[in-house]
Amino acid sequence: MWTVIYIAKNAELAGRLKAALSERNIIVMARPLSRGQEAADAGYEILVPAAEVEEALEIIIDVA
Protein backbone atom coordinates (compact mmCIF):
# COMPACT_ATOMS: atom_id res chain seq x y z
CA MET A 1 0.00 0.00 0.00
CA TRP A 2 1.27 3.47 -0.90
CA THR A 3 1.58 6.05 1.87
CA VAL A 4 1.85 9.83 1.50
CA ILE A 5 4.91 10.95 3.44
CA TYR A 6 5.32 14.54 2.27
CA ILE A 7 3.55 17.30 0.33
CA ALA A 8 6.05 19.15 -1.88
CA LYS A 9 5.14 22.75 -2.72
CA ASN A 10 6.14 22.52 -6.40
CA ALA A 11 7.45 20.23 -9.15
CA GLU A 12 11.08 21.20 -8.53
CA LEU A 13 11.03 20.10 -4.88
CA ALA A 14 9.07 16.96 -5.76
CA GLY A 15 11.73 16.07 -8.34
CA ARG A 16 14.57 16.59 -5.85
CA LEU A 17 12.88 14.45 -3.22
CA LYS A 18 12.03 11.73 -5.72
CA ALA A 19 15.63 11.64 -6.96
CA ALA A 20 17.05 11.52 -3.43
CA LEU A 21 14.79 8.63 -2.47
CA SER A 22 15.44 6.74 -5.70
CA GLU A 23 19.22 7.08 -5.25
CA ARG A 24 18.82 5.24 -1.93
CA ASN A 25 16.73 2.47 -3.54
CA ILE A 26 13.39 3.64 -2.15
CA ILE A 27 10.44 3.09 -4.49
CA VAL A 28 8.77 6.48 -4.81
CA MET A 29 5.93 8.14 -6.68
CA ALA A 30 5.11 11.86 -7.01
CA ARG A 31 1.45 12.68 -7.68
CA PRO A 32 0.24 16.23 -8.46
CA LEU A 33 -2.52 17.62 -6.26
CA SER A 34 -4.17 19.29 -9.26
CA ARG A 35 -4.37 18.59 -12.96
CA GLY A 36 -4.03 20.79 -16.00
CA GLN A 37 -1.70 23.62 -16.92
CA GLU A 38 -1.17 24.74 -13.33
CA ALA A 39 0.00 21.30 -12.13
CA ALA A 40 3.69 22.30 -12.19
CA ASP A 41 2.99 25.10 -9.69
CA ALA A 42 0.69 23.00 -7.50
CA GLY A 43 1.70 20.75 -4.65
CA TYR A 44 2.78 17.17 -5.11
CA GLU A 45 2.20 14.19 -2.86
CA ILE A 46 5.32 12.10 -2.31
CA LEU A 47 4.31 8.47 -1.81
CA VAL A 48 6.29 5.38 -0.82
CA PRO A 49 5.31 1.80 0.04
CA ALA A 50 4.21 1.47 3.68
CA ALA A 51 7.19 -0.76 4.48
CA GLU A 52 9.65 2.02 3.53
CA VAL A 53 8.02 4.98 5.33
CA GLU A 54 10.50 5.30 8.21
CA GLU A 55 13.59 5.13 6.01
CA ALA A 56 12.08 7.53 3.47
CA LEU A 57 11.23 10.08 6.18
CA GLU A 58 14.81 10.04 7.46
CA ILE A 59 16.04 10.79 3.93
CA ILE A 60 13.50 13.60 3.41
CA ILE A 61 14.55 15.26 6.66
CA ASP A 62 18.08 15.55 5.24
CA VAL A 63 16.94 16.81 1.81
CA ALA A 64 13.97 19.12 2.44
C-alpha atoms as a PDB file:
ATOM      1  CA  MET A   1       0.000   0.000   0.000  1.00  0.00           C
ATOM      2  CA  TRP A   2       1.265   3.472  -0.903  1.00  0.00           C
ATOM      3  CA  THR A   3       1.579   6.050   1.872  1.00  0.00           C
ATOM      4  CA  VAL A   4       1.846   9.834   1.500  1.00  0.00           C
ATOM      5  CA  ILE A   5       4.907  10.954   3.436  1.00  0.00           C
ATOM      6  CA  TYR A   6       5.317  14.542   2.267  1.00  0.00           C
ATOM      7  CA  ILE A   7       3.550  17.303   0.327  1.00  0.00           C
ATOM      8  CA  ALA A   8       6.051  19.146  -1.883  1.00  0.00           C
ATOM      9  CA  LYS A   9       5.142  22.747  -2.715  1.00  0.00           C
ATOM     10  CA  ASN A  10       6.138  22.524  -6.397  1.00  0.00           C
ATOM     11  CA  ALA A  11       7.451  20.234  -9.150  1.00  0.00           C
ATOM     12  CA  GLU A  12      11.085  21.204  -8.528  1.00  0.00           C
ATOM     13  CA  LEU A  13      11.025  20.103  -4.881  1.00  0.00           C
ATOM     14  CA  ALA A  14       9.070  16.963  -5.760  1.00  0.00           C
ATOM     15  CA  GLY A  15      11.728  16.066  -8.339  1.00  0.00           C
ATOM     16  CA  ARG A  16      14.567  16.592  -5.850  1.00  0.00           C
ATOM     17  CA  LEU A  17      12.879  14.451  -3.222  1.00  0.00           C
ATOM     18  CA  LYS A  18      12.028  11.729  -5.720  1.00  0.00           C
ATOM     19  CA  ALA A  19      15.628  11.644  -6.961  1.00  0.00           C
ATOM     20  CA  ALA A  20      17.054  11.518  -3.428  1.00  0.00           C
ATOM     21  CA  LEU A  21      14.785   8.628  -2.471  1.00  0.00           C
ATOM     22  CA  SER A  22      15.440   6.739  -5.701  1.00  0.00           C
ATOM     23  CA  GLU A  23      19.216   7.080  -5.248  1.00  0.00           C
ATOM     24  CA  ARG A  24      18.817   5.238  -1.934  1.00  0.00           C
ATOM     25  CA  ASN A  25      16.733   2.466  -3.536  1.00  0.00           C
ATOM     26  CA  ILE A  26      13.392   3.644  -2.152  1.00  0.00           C
ATOM     27  CA  ILE A  27      10.443   3.086  -4.487  1.00  0.00           C
ATOM     28  CA  VAL A  28       8.766   6.481  -4.811  1.00  0.00           C
ATOM     29  CA  MET A  29       5.931   8.142  -6.685  1.00  0.00           C
ATOM     30  CA  ALA A  30       5.111  11.858  -7.008  1.00  0.00           C
ATOM     31  CA  ARG A  31       1.455  12.679  -7.684  1.00  0.00           C
ATOM     32  CA  PRO A  32       0.240  16.230  -8.464  1.00  0.00           C
ATOM     33  CA  LEU A  33      -2.517  17.620  -6.261  1.00  0.00           C
ATOM     34  CA  SER A  34      -4.173  19.288  -9.260  1.00  0.00           C
ATOM     35  CA  ARG A  35      -4.371  18.593 -12.958  1.00  0.00           C
ATOM     36  CA  GLY A  36      -4.034  20.787 -16.005  1.00  0.00           C
ATOM     37  CA  GLN A  37      -1.696  23.616 -16.921  1.00  0.00           C
ATOM     38  CA  GLU A  38      -1.168  24.744 -13.333  1.00  0.00           C
ATOM     39  CA  ALA A  39       0.002  21.301 -12.133  1.00  0.00           C
ATOM     40  CA  ALA A  40       3.693  22.302 -12.185  1.00  0.00           C
ATOM     41  CA  ASP A  41       2.995  25.103  -9.694  1.00  0.00           C
ATOM     42  CA  ALA A  42       0.687  23.004  -7.501  1.00  0.00           C
ATOM     43  CA  GLY A  43       1.700  20.754  -4.652  1.00  0.00           C
ATOM     44  CA  TYR A  44       2.783  17.165  -5.112  1.00  0.00           C
ATOM     45  CA  GLU A  45       2.197  14.191  -2.864  1.00  0.00           C
ATOM     46  CA  ILE A  46       5.319  12.096  -2.311  1.00  0.00           C
ATOM     47  CA  LEU A  47       4.307   8.468  -1.810  1.00  0.00           C
ATOM     48  CA  VAL A  48       6.290   5.378  -0.825  1.00  0.00           C
ATOM     49  CA  PRO A  49       5.308   1.804   0.044  1.00  0.00           C
ATOM     50  CA  ALA A  50       4.210   1.473   3.683  1.00  0.00           C
ATOM     51  CA  ALA A  51       7.194  -0.762   4.481  1.00  0.00           C
ATOM     52  CA  GLU A  52       9.646   2.022   3.530  1.00  0.00           C
ATOM     53  CA  VAL A  53       8.021   4.981   5.329  1.00  0.00           C
ATOM     54  CA  GLU A  54      10.496   5.303   8.209  1.00  0.00           C
ATOM     55  CA  GLU A  55      13.589   5.132   6.008  1.00  0.00           C
ATOM     56  CA  ALA A  56      12.084   7.534   3.474  1.00  0.00           C
ATOM     57  CA  LEU A  57      11.225  10.083   6.176  1.00  0.00           C
ATOM     58  CA  GLU A  58      14.814  10.044   7.458  1.00  0.00           C
ATOM     59  CA  ILE A  59      16.039  10.789   3.926  1.00  0.00           C
ATOM     60  CA  ILE A  60      13.498  13.599   3.409  1.00  0.00           C
ATOM     61  CA  ILE A  61      14.552  15.264   6.658  1.00  0.00           C
ATOM     62  CA  ASP A  62      18.080  15.554   5.239  1.00  0.00           C
ATOM     63  CA  VAL A  63      16.937  16.809   1.812  1.00  0.00           C
ATOM     64  CA  ALA A  64      13.975  19.117   2.438  1.00  0.00           C
END
